[in-house]
């Protein structure tokens, strides 16, 4: 699926030895100042830096990082790595969050924590790569709100939450990155050993339940397929690429997750 075994080059700003990040073998961290953009920077250095490069912005208000991936299959199917990354982030949150809190998804890229929008993931790829060609890289970018929303007027942020307001300690947000990296490798290993179907099952387990008898699947190009109960005809198709490009959870003007529920 995705290469983690190649020798990685030196990072331009390697993580200091006393870094709070604890990453598994195969990952190499690059830090940016608070004004940096992890997703954009990771895409800019992806070709040179290689698989496993993790770019982290040390912001107080957001957990923001991005990881470079190297697919071994065509772009049209390699984008399905997004679903492995979504489940990896959800698993990391579930492992570190206070008890009895739910981590759920809104198709295809938003993350809900305890019912409120906390952030989501983006996926980048070379714009000049043909759909049937193997891309030199993919970049998955994660952004979750950490700052407390107590400063925002009550009622102005319906459907939004932050990790801090939901019981996370600030130090735990760094631990989430290492946990994400480990879960990501686990999901890729399962994909390689058992096929993509297990990755899709993990993703669907965190989507809102559909109608009774409804059958859901992820097509080879990443599109969502929904078969109505007892319907043997063509499935309802929701394309992946336009949804990823729209990133409806993301407020580009404020470079942060939106403060309102997704329509």
Protein backbone atom coordinates (compact mmCIF):
# COMPACT_ATOMS: atom_id res chain seq x y z
CA UNK A 1 0.00 0.00 0.00
CA UNK A 2 2.36 2.70 1.26
CA UNK A 3 6.14 2.62 1.59
CA UNK A 4 7.68 2.98 5.04
CA UNK A 5 10.91 1.07 4.49
CA UNK A 6 13.00 3.41 2.34
CA UNK A 7 15.94 5.29 3.85
CA UNK A 8 14.69 8.77 4.71
CA UNK A 9 16.86 11.83 4.00
CA UNK A 10 17.86 14.31 6.65
CA UNK A 11 14.99 16.60 7.64
CA UNK A 12 15.63 20.33 7.23
CA UNK A 13 14.70 20.95 10.87
CA UNK A 14 15.00 17.64 12.75
CA UNK A 15 13.11 17.21 15.99
CA UNK A 16 15.31 17.79 19.06
CA UNK A 17 16.07 14.79 21.24
CA UNK A 18 14.00 16.18 24.11
CA UNK A 19 10.92 16.54 21.91
CA UNK A 20 7.61 15.54 23.48
CA UNK A 21 6.81 13.58 20.30
CA UNK A 22 7.36 9.84 20.52
CA UNK A 23 7.22 8.54 16.96
CA UNK A 24 7.66 4.93 15.82
CA UNK A 25 10.57 3.87 13.58
CA UNK A 26 10.21 5.06 10.00
CA UNK A 27 8.92 8.51 10.96
CA UNK A 28 11.01 11.68 11.00
CA UNK A 29 9.63 14.94 12.39
CA UNK A 30 9.92 18.51 11.14
CA UNK A 31 8.72 21.35 13.36
CA UNK A 32 7.30 24.68 12.25
CA UNK A 33 6.67 27.88 14.13
CA UNK A 34 3.13 28.71 15.23
CA UNK A 35 2.45 30.67 12.03
CA UNK A 36 3.40 27.69 9.84
CA UNK A 37 1.09 25.54 7.74
CA UNK A 38 1.79 21.83 8.24
CA UNK A 39 -0.30 20.64 5.29
CA UNK A 40 1.19 23.10 2.80
CA UNK A 41 4.75 22.57 4.05
CA UNK A 42 4.48 18.79 3.91
CA UNK A 43 3.30 18.98 0.30
CA UNK A 44 6.14 21.34 -0.58
CA UNK A 45 8.86 19.03 0.80
CA UNK A 46 7.18 15.68 0.14
CA UNK A 47 9.19 14.72 -2.93
CA UNK A 48 12.54 15.44 -1.27
CA UNK A 49 11.73 14.43 2.31
CA UNK A 50 10.02 11.13 1.53
CA UNK A 51 7.67 8.73 3.26
CA UNK A 52 7.20 9.04 7.00
CA UNK A 53 8.10 12.73 7.21
CA UNK A 54 5.80 14.29 9.80
CA UNK A 55 5.42 18.07 9.85
CA UNK A 56 4.15 19.50 13.14
CA UNK A 57 3.08 23.06 13.92
CA UNK A 58 3.44 23.84 17.61
CA UNK A 59 0.22 25.82 18.11
CA UNK A 60 -1.64 26.22 21.38
CA UNK A 61 -5.08 26.39 19.77
CA UNK A 62 -4.80 23.52 17.30
CA UNK A 63 -3.33 20.07 17.01
CA UNK A 64 -1.93 20.45 13.49
CA UNK A 65 0.35 18.05 11.67
CA UNK A 66 0.77 16.33 8.30
CA UNK A 67 2.41 13.10 7.16
CA UNK A 68 4.02 12.25 3.83
CA UNK A 69 3.02 8.90 2.34
CA UNK A 70 4.41 7.05 -0.67
CA UNK A 71 1.82 4.86 -2.44
CA UNK A 72 2.67 1.83 -4.51
CA UNK A 73 -0.55 1.94 -6.52
CA UNK A 74 -2.21 4.42 -8.93
CA UNK A 75 -3.55 7.70 -7.63
CA UNK A 76 -7.17 6.72 -8.34
CA UNK A 77 -7.01 3.96 -5.72
CA UNK A 78 -4.19 5.29 -3.53
CA UNK A 79 -6.45 8.09 -2.26
CA UNK A 80 -8.17 5.43 -0.16
CA UNK A 81 -5.26 5.92 2.26
CA UNK A 82 -7.39 8.80 3.54
CA UNK A 83 -9.75 6.32 5.21
CA UNK A 84 -6.89 4.57 7.00
CA UNK A 85 -5.70 7.95 8.28
CA UNK A 86 -9.21 8.89 9.47
CA UNK A 87 -9.50 5.68 11.48
CA UNK A 88 -5.97 6.10 12.83
CA UNK A 89 -6.83 9.55 14.19
CA UNK A 90 -10.09 8.31 15.66
CA UNK A 91 -8.33 5.37 17.32
CA UNK A 92 -5.74 7.74 18.80
CA UNK A 93 -8.46 10.00 20.20
CA UNK A 94 -10.38 7.04 21.61
CA UNK A 95 -7.26 5.70 23.31
CA UNK A 96 -6.49 8.99 25.08
CA UNK A 97 -9.88 10.59 25.66
CA UNK A 98 -11.89 10.57 28.90
CA UNK A 99 -14.18 7.55 29.26
CA UNK A 100 -17.57 7.26 27.56
CA UNK A 101 -16.83 9.77 24.79
CA UNK A 102 -17.66 8.93 21.18
CA UNK A 103 -15.46 9.62 18.17
CA UNK A 104 -17.49 9.71 14.94
CA UNK A 105 -17.11 10.78 11.31
CA UNK A 106 -19.01 12.85 8.80
CA UNK A 107 -18.28 11.60 5.28
CA UNK A 108 -15.57 11.76 4.18
CA UNK A 109 -13.22 13.88 6.29
CA UNK A 110 -14.78 15.50 9.38
CA UNK A 111 -14.30 14.27 12.95
CA UNK A 112 -16.91 14.63 15.68
CA UNK A 113 -15.95 14.27 19.31
CA UNK A 114 -18.76 13.64 21.77
CA UNK A 115 -21.18 14.88 19.10
CA UNK A 116 -19.41 18.16 18.28
CA UNK A 117 -17.20 19.12 15.35
CA UNK A 118 -13.57 19.11 16.50
CA UNK A 119 -11.75 19.06 13.14
CA UNK A 120 -10.87 16.77 10.30
CA UNK A 121 -8.35 15.55 7.77
CA UNK A 122 -7.24 16.68 4.33
CA UNK A 123 -5.47 14.78 1.57
CA UNK A 124 -3.03 16.25 -0.92
CA UNK A 125 -1.46 14.78 -4.06
CA UNK A 126 0.64 16.04 -7.01
CA UNK A 127 -1.66 18.04 -9.24
CA UNK A 128 0.12 16.88 -12.40
CA UNK A 129 -0.27 13.19 -11.58
CA UNK A 130 -2.61 11.22 -13.86
CA UNK A 131 -5.27 9.10 -12.23
CA UNK A 132 -3.71 5.88 -13.56
CA UNK A 133 -0.15 6.81 -12.54
CA UNK A 134 1.52 6.07 -9.21
CA UNK A 135 2.00 9.41 -7.43
CA UNK A 136 5.38 10.28 -5.98
CA UNK A 137 3.65 11.21 -2.74
CA UNK A 138 0.43 11.78 -0.85
CA UNK A 139 0.08 14.02 2.19
CA UNK A 140 -2.52 13.52 4.88
CA UNK A 141 -3.09 16.60 7.04
CA UNK A 142 -4.73 16.58 10.46
CA UNK A 143 -6.24 19.58 12.24
CA UNK A 144 -8.13 19.34 15.54
CA UNK A 145 -9.26 22.19 17.75
CA UNK A 146 -7.58 22.17 21.17
CA UNK A 147 -8.26 25.65 22.60
CA UNK A 148 -11.08 26.04 25.08
CA UNK A 149 -14.17 27.75 23.62
CA UNK A 150 -15.15 29.42 26.89
CA UNK A 151 -14.14 32.82 25.46
CA UNK A 152 -16.75 32.50 22.71
CA UNK A 153 -20.24 33.78 23.49
CA UNK A 154 -22.65 31.00 24.44
CA UNK A 155 -24.79 29.91 21.51
CA UNK A 156 -22.36 31.24 18.90
CA UNK A 157 -20.67 27.89 18.30
CA UNK A 158 -23.43 25.32 17.89
CA UNK A 159 -22.04 21.89 17.20
CA UNK A 160 -18.39 22.76 17.87
CA UNK A 161 -16.11 21.44 20.62
CA UNK A 162 -12.43 21.47 21.52
CA UNK A 163 -10.26 18.76 23.01
CA UNK A 164 -9.50 20.89 26.06
CA UNK A 165 -13.16 21.60 26.78
CA UNK A 166 -13.87 17.87 26.47
CA UNK A 167 -11.39 16.84 29.15
CA UNK A 168 -8.04 16.42 27.39
CA UNK A 169 -4.94 17.72 29.13
CA UNK A 170 -2.78 19.91 26.87
CA UNK A 171 0.20 17.56 27.19
CA UNK A 172 -1.93 14.75 25.82
CA UNK A 173 -2.25 16.46 22.45
CA UNK A 174 1.42 15.72 21.68
CA UNK A 175 0.88 12.10 22.68
CA UNK A 176 -1.94 11.94 20.15
CA UNK A 177 0.53 12.44 17.30
CA UNK A 178 2.63 9.44 18.26
CA UNK A 179 -0.50 7.40 18.81
CA UNK A 180 -1.80 8.42 15.38
CA UNK A 181 1.45 7.31 13.73
CA UNK A 182 1.29 3.88 15.37
CA UNK A 183 -2.36 3.37 14.52
CA UNK A 184 -1.71 4.48 10.94
CA UNK A 185 0.94 1.81 10.50
CA UNK A 186 -1.44 -0.76 11.98
CA UNK A 187 -4.20 0.14 9.51
CA UNK A 188 -1.79 -0.02 6.56
CA UNK A 189 -0.51 -3.42 7.74
CA UNK A 190 -4.08 -4.72 7.96
CA UNK A 191 -4.82 -3.32 4.48
CA UNK A 192 -1.78 -5.12 3.09
CA UNK A 193 -2.57 -8.42 4.80
CA UNK A 194 -6.37 -8.56 4.53
CA UNK A 195 -7.33 -6.14 1.79
CA UNK A 196 -8.96 -2.71 1.80
CA UNK A 197 -12.30 -4.08 2.98
CA UNK A 198 -11.13 -4.10 6.60
CA UNK A 199 -10.12 -0.42 6.33
CA UNK A 200 -13.56 0.42 4.96
CA UNK A 201 -15.23 -1.50 7.79
CA UNK A 202 -13.30 0.48 10.39
CA UNK A 203 -14.31 3.74 8.73
CA UNK A 204 -17.99 2.79 8.48
CA UNK A 205 -18.04 1.79 12.14
CA UNK A 206 -17.69 5.50 12.99
CA UNK A 207 -20.18 6.86 10.44
CA UNK A 208 -23.79 7.46 11.53
CA UNK A 209 -25.85 4.34 10.97
CA UNK A 210 -27.80 4.20 7.74
CA UNK A 211 -31.28 2.86 7.12
CA UNK A 212 -32.05 -0.67 8.21
CA UNK A 213 -30.85 -3.05 5.54
CA UNK A 214 -28.82 -0.41 3.75
CA UNK A 215 -25.48 -1.65 2.37
CA UNK A 216 -22.48 0.67 2.22
CA UNK A 217 -19.13 0.22 0.52
CA UNK A 218 -16.14 2.23 -0.69
CA UNK A 219 -15.43 1.81 -4.39
CA UNK A 220 -11.96 1.22 -5.79
CA UNK A 221 -11.63 4.95 -6.48
CA UNK A 222 -12.73 5.92 -2.95
CA UNK A 223 -16.33 6.89 -3.80
CA UNK A 224 -19.04 6.08 -1.26
CA UNK A 225 -21.56 3.52 -2.54
CA UNK A 226 -24.93 3.06 -0.86
CA UNK A 227 -27.33 0.29 -1.83
CA UNK A 228 -30.88 0.84 -0.59
CA UNK A 229 -32.50 -2.03 1.37
CA UNK A 230 -33.60 -4.86 -0.97
CA UNK A 231 -32.42 -2.81 -3.96
CA UNK A 232 -30.44 -4.78 -6.52
CA UNK A 233 -29.99 -1.84 -8.89
CA UNK A 234 -27.06 0.59 -9.17
CA UNK A 235 -25.79 2.03 -5.89
CA UNK A 236 -26.09 5.69 -4.97
CA UNK A 237 -22.61 7.12 -5.51
CA UNK A 238 -20.99 10.01 -3.64
CA UNK A 239 -17.66 10.98 -5.27
CA UNK A 240 -14.63 11.23 -2.98
CA UNK A 241 -12.42 13.74 -4.79
CA UNK A 242 -14.86 16.71 -4.87
CA UNK A 243 -15.65 16.11 -1.20
CA UNK A 244 -11.97 16.08 -0.24
CA UNK A 245 -11.35 19.28 -2.19
CA UNK A 246 -14.35 20.96 -0.53
CA UNK A 247 -13.18 20.06 3.03
CA UNK A 248 -16.47 21.36 4.45
CA UNK A 249 -15.19 21.12 8.04
CA UNK A 250 -12.33 23.55 7.35
CA UNK A 251 -12.53 27.36 7.65
CA UNK A 252 -9.84 28.54 5.21
CA UNK A 253 -10.26 32.18 6.26
CA UNK A 254 -9.29 31.42 9.84
CA UNK A 255 -7.08 28.40 9.07
CA UNK A 256 -8.98 26.34 11.61
CA UNK A 257 -11.91 23.93 11.92
CA UNK A 258 -15.28 25.60 11.54
CA UNK A 259 -17.15 26.72 14.63
CA UNK A 260 -20.51 25.56 13.35
CA UNK A 261 -21.99 22.24 12.44
CA UNK A 262 -21.47 21.01 8.87
CA UNK A 263 -24.64 21.35 6.75
